[in-house]
Amino acid sequence: MARVTIEDCIEKVDNRFELVHVGVRRAKQLFKGAPSLVDSDNKAPIQALREIAEGRVIAIHDSLSEEEESNML
């Protein structure tokens, strides 16, 4: 894959907001030393997008407990 585009990634996630969330979380993991899931010499944010575009990283939706929801308000 020569260039990773938003269109490549949006096919793998529900919407652009989720793409940003998943991309940021994965980039942070890469910054902390997580192993790369695809071969690339890019920086962590681009690497994260490449992994999403190739379907190697997916979003997992967690349910918040009532206590966690009330703490957010």
PDB file of N, CA and C in Angstrom:
ATOM      1  N   MET A   1       0.863  -1.174   0.000  1.00  0.00           N
ATOM      2  CA  MET A   1       0.000   0.000   0.000  1.00  0.00           C
ATOM      3  C   MET A   1       0.907   1.233   0.000  1.00  0.00           C
ATOM      4  N   ALA A   2       0.848   1.993  -1.058  1.00  0.00           N
ATOM      5  CA  ALA A   2       1.711   3.157  -1.201  1.00  0.00           C
ATOM      6  C   ALA A   2       1.336   4.258  -0.215  1.00  0.00           C
ATOM      7  N   ARG A   3       0.080   4.617  -0.189  1.00  0.00           N
ATOM      8  CA  ARG A   3      -0.389   5.657   0.730  1.00  0.00           C
ATOM      9  C   ARG A   3      -1.628   5.144   1.428  1.00  0.00           C
ATOM     10  N   VAL A   4      -1.751   5.481   2.678  1.00  0.00           N
ATOM     11  CA  VAL A   4      -2.957   5.119   3.414  1.00  0.00           C
ATOM     12  C   VAL A   4      -3.888   6.331   3.382  1.00  0.00           C
ATOM     13  N   THR A   5      -5.159   6.101   3.085  1.00  0.00           N
ATOM     14  CA  THR A   5      -6.124   7.196   3.025  1.00  0.00           C
ATOM     15  C   THR A   5      -7.241   6.961   4.029  1.00  0.00           C
ATOM     16  N   ILE A   6      -7.963   8.006   4.311  1.00  0.00           N
ATOM     17  CA  ILE A   6      -9.114   7.901   5.206  1.00  0.00           C
ATOM     18  C   ILE A   6     -10.133   6.932   4.617  1.00  0.00           C
ATOM     19  N   GLU A   7     -10.284   6.959   3.304  1.00  0.00           N
ATOM     20  CA  GLU A   7     -11.245   6.066   2.649  1.00  0.00           C
ATOM     21  C   GLU A   7     -10.872   4.597   2.856  1.00  0.00           C
ATOM     22  N   ASP A   8      -9.565   4.298   2.855  1.00  0.00           N
ATOM     23  CA  ASP A   8      -9.120   2.926   3.117  1.00  0.00           C
ATOM     24  C   ASP A   8      -9.506   2.494   4.528  1.00  0.00           C
ATOM     25  N   CYS A   9      -9.376   3.408   5.463  1.00  0.00           N
ATOM     26  CA  CYS A   9      -9.628   3.099   6.874  1.00  0.00           C
ATOM     27  C   CYS A   9     -11.115   3.084   7.210  1.00  0.00           C
ATOM     28  N   ILE A  10     -11.881   3.976   6.617  1.00  0.00           N
ATOM     29  CA  ILE A  10     -13.294   4.126   6.978  1.00  0.00           C
ATOM     30  C   ILE A  10     -14.093   2.881   6.589  1.00  0.00           C
ATOM     31  N   GLU A  11     -13.570   2.079   5.669  1.00  0.00           N
ATOM     32  CA  GLU A  11     -14.227   0.820   5.311  1.00  0.00           C
ATOM     33  C   GLU A  11     -14.159  -0.191   6.451  1.00  0.00           C
ATOM     34  N   LYS A  12     -13.226   0.006   7.370  1.00  0.00           N
ATOM     35  CA  LYS A  12     -13.004  -0.954   8.457  1.00  0.00           C
ATOM     36  C   LYS A  12     -13.646  -0.539   9.778  1.00  0.00           C
ATOM     37  N   VAL A  13     -14.057   0.721   9.900  1.00  0.00           N
ATOM     38  CA  VAL A  13     -14.687   1.216  11.130  1.00  0.00           C
ATOM     39  C   VAL A  13     -16.025   1.858  10.782  1.00  0.00           C
ATOM     40  N   ASP A  14     -16.827   2.136  11.805  1.00  0.00           N
ATOM     41  CA  ASP A  14     -18.180   2.640  11.575  1.00  0.00           C
ATOM     42  C   ASP A  14     -18.231   4.075  11.059  1.00  0.00           C
ATOM     43  N   ASN A  15     -17.369   4.945  11.583  1.00  0.00           N
ATOM     44  CA  ASN A  15     -17.419   6.349  11.185  1.00  0.00           C
ATOM     45  C   ASN A  15     -16.076   7.022  11.457  1.00  0.00           C
ATOM     46  N   ARG A  16     -15.943   8.261  11.062  1.00  0.00           N
ATOM     47  CA  ARG A  16     -14.675   8.988  11.208  1.00  0.00           C
ATOM     48  C   ARG A  16     -14.298   9.225  12.665  1.00  0.00           C
ATOM     49  N   PHE A  17     -15.290   9.426  13.520  1.00  0.00           N
ATOM     50  CA  PHE A  17     -15.003   9.654  14.934  1.00  0.00           C
ATOM     51  C   PHE A  17     -14.380   8.408  15.553  1.00  0.00           C
ATOM     52  N   GLU A  18     -14.933   7.263  15.209  1.00  0.00           N
ATOM     53  CA  GLU A  18     -14.386   6.004  15.710  1.00  0.00           C
ATOM     54  C   GLU A  18     -12.987   5.768  15.133  1.00  0.00           C
ATOM     55  N   LEU A  19     -12.781   6.147  13.887  1.00  0.00           N
ATOM     56  CA  LEU A  19     -11.465   6.011  13.275  1.00  0.00           C
ATOM     57  C   LEU A  19     -10.424   6.804  14.057  1.00  0.00           C
ATOM     58  N   VAL A  20     -10.754   8.022  14.423  1.00  0.00           N
ATOM     59  CA  VAL A  20      -9.833   8.850  15.204  1.00  0.00           C
ATOM     60  C   VAL A  20      -9.548   8.190  16.547  1.00  0.00           C
ATOM     61  N   HIS A  21     -10.584   7.728  17.212  1.00  0.00           N
ATOM     62  CA  HIS A  21     -10.428   7.104  18.529  1.00  0.00           C
ATOM     63  C   HIS A  21      -9.534   5.861  18.444  1.00  0.00           C
ATOM     64  N   VAL A  22      -9.827   4.981  17.503  1.00  0.00           N
ATOM     65  CA  VAL A  22      -9.052   3.750  17.355  1.00  0.00           C
ATOM     66  C   VAL A  22      -7.617   4.079  16.939  1.00  0.00           C
ATOM     67  N   GLY A  23      -7.457   5.024  16.030  1.00  0.00           N
ATOM     68  CA  GLY A  23      -6.124   5.406  15.575  1.00  0.00           C
ATOM     69  C   GLY A  23      -5.258   5.972  16.681  1.00  0.00           C
ATOM     70  N   VAL A  24      -5.839   6.821  17.508  1.00  0.00           N
ATOM     71  CA  VAL A  24      -5.091   7.414  18.620  1.00  0.00           C
ATOM     72  C   VAL A  24      -4.694   6.348  19.632  1.00  0.00           C
ATOM     73  N   ARG A  25      -5.634   5.470  19.964  1.00  0.00           N
ATOM     74  CA  ARG A  25      -5.317   4.410  20.937  1.00  0.00           C
ATOM     75  C   ARG A  25      -4.197   3.508  20.424  1.00  0.00           C
ATOM     76  N   ARG A  26      -4.262   3.148  19.143  1.00  0.00           N
ATOM     77  CA  ARG A  26      -3.231   2.271  18.586  1.00  0.00           C
ATOM     78  C   ARG A  26      -1.899   2.995  18.477  1.00  0.00           C
ATOM     79  N   ALA A  27      -1.908   4.263  18.093  1.00  0.00           N
ATOM     80  CA  ALA A  27      -0.665   5.035  18.008  1.00  0.00           C
ATOM     81  C   ALA A  27      -0.003   5.130  19.383  1.00  0.00           C
ATOM     82  N   LYS A  28      -0.787   5.330  20.433  1.00  0.00           N
ATOM     83  CA  LYS A  28      -0.229   5.368  21.792  1.00  0.00           C
ATOM     84  C   LYS A  28       0.405   4.032  22.156  1.00  0.00           C
ATOM     85  N   GLN A  29      -0.246   2.931  21.767  1.00  0.00           N
ATOM     86  CA  GLN A  29       0.328   1.609  22.029  1.00  0.00           C
ATOM     87  C   GLN A  29       1.665   1.456  21.308  1.00  0.00           C
ATOM     88  N   LEU A  30       1.729   1.916  20.066  1.00  0.00           N
ATOM     89  CA  LEU A  30       2.974   1.823  19.307  1.00  0.00           C
ATOM     90  C   LEU A  30       4.065   2.690  19.926  1.00  0.00           C
ATOM     91  N   PHE A  31       3.707   3.895  20.386  1.00  0.00           N
ATOM     92  CA  PHE A  31       4.675   4.767  21.054  1.00  0.00           C
ATOM     93  C   PHE A  31       5.252   4.098  22.294  1.00  0.00           C
ATOM     94  N   LYS A  32       4.425   3.321  22.984  1.00  0.00           N
ATOM     95  CA  LYS A  32       4.857   2.645  24.215  1.00  0.00           C
ATOM     96  C   LYS A  32       5.612   1.346  23.941  1.00  0.00           C
ATOM     97  N   GLY A  33       5.793   1.003  22.659  1.00  0.00           N
ATOM     98  CA  GLY A  33       6.602  -0.155  22.323  1.00  0.00           C
ATOM     99  C   GLY A  33       5.863  -1.395  21.874  1.00  0.00           C
ATOM    100  N   ALA A  34       4.571  -1.300  21.622  1.00  0.00           N
ATOM    101  CA  ALA A  34       3.810  -2.454  21.129  1.00  0.00           C
ATOM    102  C   ALA A  34       4.369  -2.871  19.768  1.00  0.00           C
ATOM    103  N   PRO A  35       4.393  -4.161  19.490  1.00  0.00           N
ATOM    104  CA  PRO A  35       4.913  -4.601  18.191  1.00  0.00           C
ATOM    105  C   PRO A  35       3.992  -4.189  17.047  1.00  0.00           C
ATOM    106  N   SER A  36       4.599  -3.858  15.927  1.00  0.00           N
ATOM    107  CA  SER A  36       3.842  -3.472  14.739  1.00  0.00           C
ATOM    108  C   SER A  36       3.174  -4.699  14.129  1.00  0.00           C
ATOM    109  N   LEU A  37       1.981  -4.514  13.595  1.00  0.00           N
ATOM    110  CA  LEU A  37       1.234  -5.607  12.980  1.00  0.00           C
ATOM    111  C   LEU A  37       1.400  -5.664  11.467  1.00  0.00           C
ATOM    112  N   VAL A  38       2.026  -4.654  10.881  1.00  0.00           N
ATOM    113  CA  VAL A  38       2.323  -4.631   9.443  1.00  0.00           C
ATOM    114  C   VAL A  38       3.746  -4.112   9.252  1.00  0.00           C
ATOM    115  N   ASP A  39       4.361  -4.479   8.147  1.00  0.00           N
ATOM    116  CA  ASP A  39       5.713  -4.008   7.848  1.00  0.00           C
ATOM    117  C   ASP A  39       5.656  -2.599   7.285  1.00  0.00           C
ATOM    118  N   SER A  40       6.296  -1.672   7.993  1.00  0.00           N
ATOM    119  CA  SER A  40       6.328  -0.287   7.546  1.00  0.00           C
ATOM    120  C   SER A  40       7.334   0.473   8.394  1.00  0.00           C
ATOM    121  N   ASP A  41       7.937   1.487   7.806  1.00  0.00           N
ATOM    122  CA  ASP A  41       8.897   2.320   8.528  1.00  0.00           C
ATOM    123  C   ASP A  41       8.310   3.685   8.870  1.00  0.00           C
ATOM    124  N   ASN A  42       6.987   3.778   8.924  1.00  0.00           N
ATOM    125  CA  ASN A  42       6.329   5.047   9.205  1.00  0.00           C
ATOM    126  C   ASN A  42       6.296   5.336  10.694  1.00  0.00           C
ATOM    127  N   LYS A  43       5.982   6.591  11.013  1.00  0.00           N
ATOM    128  CA  LYS A  43       5.791   6.973  12.411  1.00  0.00           C
ATOM    129  C   LYS A  43       4.496   6.360  12.932  1.00  0.00           C
ATOM    130  N   ALA A  44       4.346   6.354  14.253  1.00  0.00           N
ATOM    131  CA  ALA A  44       3.242   5.646  14.913  1.00  0.00           C
ATOM    132  C   ALA A  44       1.847   6.015  14.395  1.00  0.00           C
ATOM    133  N   PRO A  45       1.505   7.291  14.212  1.00  0.00           N
ATOM    134  CA  PRO A  45       0.142   7.593  13.738  1.00  0.00           C
ATOM    135  C   PRO A  45      -0.166   7.003  12.356  1.00  0.00           C
ATOM    136  N   ILE A  46       0.789   7.074  11.438  1.00  0.00           N
ATOM    137  CA  ILE A  46       0.586   6.508  10.101  1.00  0.00           C
ATOM    138  C   ILE A  46       0.587   4.989  10.175  1.00  0.00           C
ATOM    139  N   GLN A  47       1.458   4.447  11.003  1.00  0.00           N
ATOM    140  CA  GLN A  47       1.501   2.997  11.201  1.00  0.00           C
ATOM    141  C   GLN A  47       0.154   2.495  11.711  1.00  0.00           C
ATOM    142  N   ALA A  48      -0.435   3.212  12.658  1.00  0.00           N
ATOM    143  CA  ALA A  48      -1.745   2.829  13.202  1.00  0.00           C
ATOM    144  C   ALA A  48      -2.804   2.835  12.104  1.00  0.00           C
ATOM    145  N   LEU A  49      -2.798   3.852  11.261  1.00  0.00           N
ATOM    146  CA  LEU A  49      -3.768   3.915  10.162  1.00  0.00           C
ATOM    147  C   LEU A  49      -3.561   2.775   9.165  1.00  0.00           C
ATOM    148  N   ARG A  50      -2.314   2.422   8.890  1.00  0.00           N
ATOM    149  CA  ARG A  50      -2.042   1.289   7.998  1.00  0.00           C
ATOM    150  C   ARG A  50      -2.605  -0.004   8.580  1.00  0.00           C
ATOM    151  N   GLU A  51      -2.429  -0.192   9.875  1.00  0.00           N
ATOM    152  CA  GLU A  51      -2.939  -1.395  10.533  1.00  0.00           C
ATOM    153  C   GLU A  51      -4.463  -1.444  10.478  1.00  0.00           C
ATOM    154  N   ILE A  52      -5.103  -0.301  10.664  1.00  0.00           N
ATOM    155  CA  ILE A  52      -6.568  -0.239  10.582  1.00  0.00           C
ATOM    156  C   ILE A  52      -7.023  -0.541   9.158  1.00  0.00           C
ATOM    157  N   ALA A  53      -6.374   0.073   8.170  1.00  0.00           N
ATOM    158  CA  ALA A  53      -6.758  -0.118   6.767  1.00  0.00           C
ATOM    159  C   ALA A  53      -6.623  -1.576   6.337  1.00  0.00           C
ATOM    160  N   GLU A  54      -5.648  -2.280   6.896  1.00  0.00           N
ATOM    161  CA  GLU A  54      -5.446  -3.685   6.543  1.00  0.00           C
ATOM    162  C   GLU A  54      -6.294  -4.628   7.389  1.00  0.00           C
ATOM    163  N   GLY A  55      -7.072  -4.067   8.313  1.00  0.00           N
ATOM    164  CA  GLY A  55      -7.959  -4.895   9.125  1.00  0.00           C
ATOM    165  C   GLY A  55      -7.270  -5.605  10.270  1.00  0.00           C
ATOM    166  N   ARG A  56      -6.074  -5.172  10.622  1.00  0.00           N
ATOM    167  CA  ARG A  56      -5.326  -5.805  11.714  1.00  0.00           C
ATOM    168  C   ARG A  56      -5.726  -5.258  13.075  1.00  0.00           C
ATOM    169  N   VAL A  57      -6.314  -4.058  13.096  1.00  0.00           N
ATOM    170  CA  VAL A  57      -6.765  -3.416  14.335  1.00  0.00           C
ATOM    171  C   VAL A  57      -8.252  -3.147  14.179  1.00  0.00           C
ATOM    172  N   ILE A  58      -9.030  -3.526  15.177  1.00  0.00           N
ATOM    173  CA  ILE A  58     -10.476  -3.300  15.137  1.00  0.00           C
ATOM    174  C   ILE A  58     -10.916  -2.566  16.390  1.00  0.00           C
ATOM    175  N   ALA A  59     -12.083  -1.966  16.324  1.00  0.00           N
ATOM    176  CA  ALA A  59     -12.653  -1.270  17.477  1.00  0.00           C
ATOM    177  C   ALA A  59     -13.451  -2.268  18.299  1.00  0.00           C
ATOM    178  N   ILE A  60     -13.270  -2.198  19.596  1.00  0.00           N
ATOM    179  CA  ILE A  60     -14.062  -3.009  20.519  1.00  0.00           C
ATOM    180  C   ILE A  60     -14.860  -2.039  21.366  1.00  0.00           C
ATOM    181  N   HIS A  61     -16.166  -2.211  21.359  1.00  0.00           N
ATOM    182  CA  HIS A  61     -17.043  -1.315  22.101  1.00  0.00           C
ATOM    183  C   HIS A  61     -17.252  -1.862  23.507  1.00  0.00           C
ATOM    184  N   ASP A  62     -16.808  -1.093  24.483  1.00  0.00           N
ATOM    185  CA  ASP A  62     -16.989  -1.474  25.877  1.00  0.00           C
ATOM    186  C   ASP A  62     -18.222  -0.785  26.432  1.00  0.00           C
ATOM    187  N   SER A  63     -18.946  -1.487  27.264  1.00  0.00           N
ATOM    188  CA  SER A  63     -20.091  -0.895  27.946  1.00  0.00           C
ATOM    189  C   SER A  63     -19.611  -0.286  29.253  1.00  0.00           C
ATOM    190  N   LEU A  64     -20.089   0.886  29.540  1.00  0.00           N
ATOM    191  CA  LEU A  64     -19.758   1.521  30.806  1.00  0.00           C
ATOM    192  C   LEU A  64     -20.749   1.082  31.866  1.00  0.00           C
ATOM    193  N   SER A  65     -20.230   0.894  33.065  1.00  0.00           N
ATOM    194  CA  SER A  65     -21.133   0.589  34.171  1.00  0.00           C
ATOM    195  C   SER A  65     -21.860   1.873  34.563  1.00  0.00           C
ATOM    196  N   GLU A  66     -22.915   1.742  35.340  1.00  0.00           N
ATOM    197  CA  GLU A  66     -23.661   2.928  35.779  1.00  0.00           C
ATOM    198  C   GLU A  66     -22.763   3.859  36.575  1.00  0.00           C
ATOM    199  N   GLU A  67     -21.867   3.293  37.375  1.00  0.00           N
ATOM    200  CA  GLU A  67     -20.961   4.115  38.179  1.00  0.00           C
ATOM    201  C   GLU A  67     -20.010   4.907  37.287  1.00  0.00           C
ATOM    202  N   GLU A  68     -19.466   4.281  36.246  1.00  0.00           N
ATOM    203  CA  GLU A  68     -18.567   4.972  35.329  1.00  0.00           C
ATOM    204  C   GLU A  68     -19.294   6.085  34.583  1.00  0.00           C
ATOM    205  N   GLU A  69     -20.531   5.825  34.167  1.00  0.00           N
ATOM    206  CA  GLU A  69     -21.311   6.847  33.474  1.00  0.00           C
ATOM    207  C   GLU A  69     -21.587   8.033  34.379  1.00  0.00           C
ATOM    208  N   SER A  70     -21.926   7.776  35.643  1.00  0.00           N
ATOM    209  CA  SER A  70     -22.223   8.877  36.562  1.00  0.00           C
ATOM    210  C   SER A  70     -20.965   9.683  36.865  1.00  0.00           C
ATOM    211  N   ASN A  71     -19.800   9.046  36.872  1.00  0.00           N
ATOM    212  CA  ASN A  71     -18.546   9.760  37.106  1.00  0.00           C
ATOM    213  C   ASN A  71     -18.179  10.661  35.937  1.00  0.00           C
ATOM    214  N   MET A  72     -18.675  10.347  34.747  1.00  0.00           N
ATOM    215  CA  MET A  72     -18.381  11.152  33.570  1.00  0.00           C
ATOM    216  C   MET A  72     -19.194  12.441  33.539  1.00  0.00           C
ATOM    217  N   LEU A  73     -20.310  12.468  34.223  1.00  0.00           N
ATOM    218  CA  LEU A  73     -21.178  13.651  34.183  1.00  0.00           C
ATOM    219  C   LEU A  73     -20.673  14.763  35.021  1.00  0.00           C
TER     220      LEU A  73
END
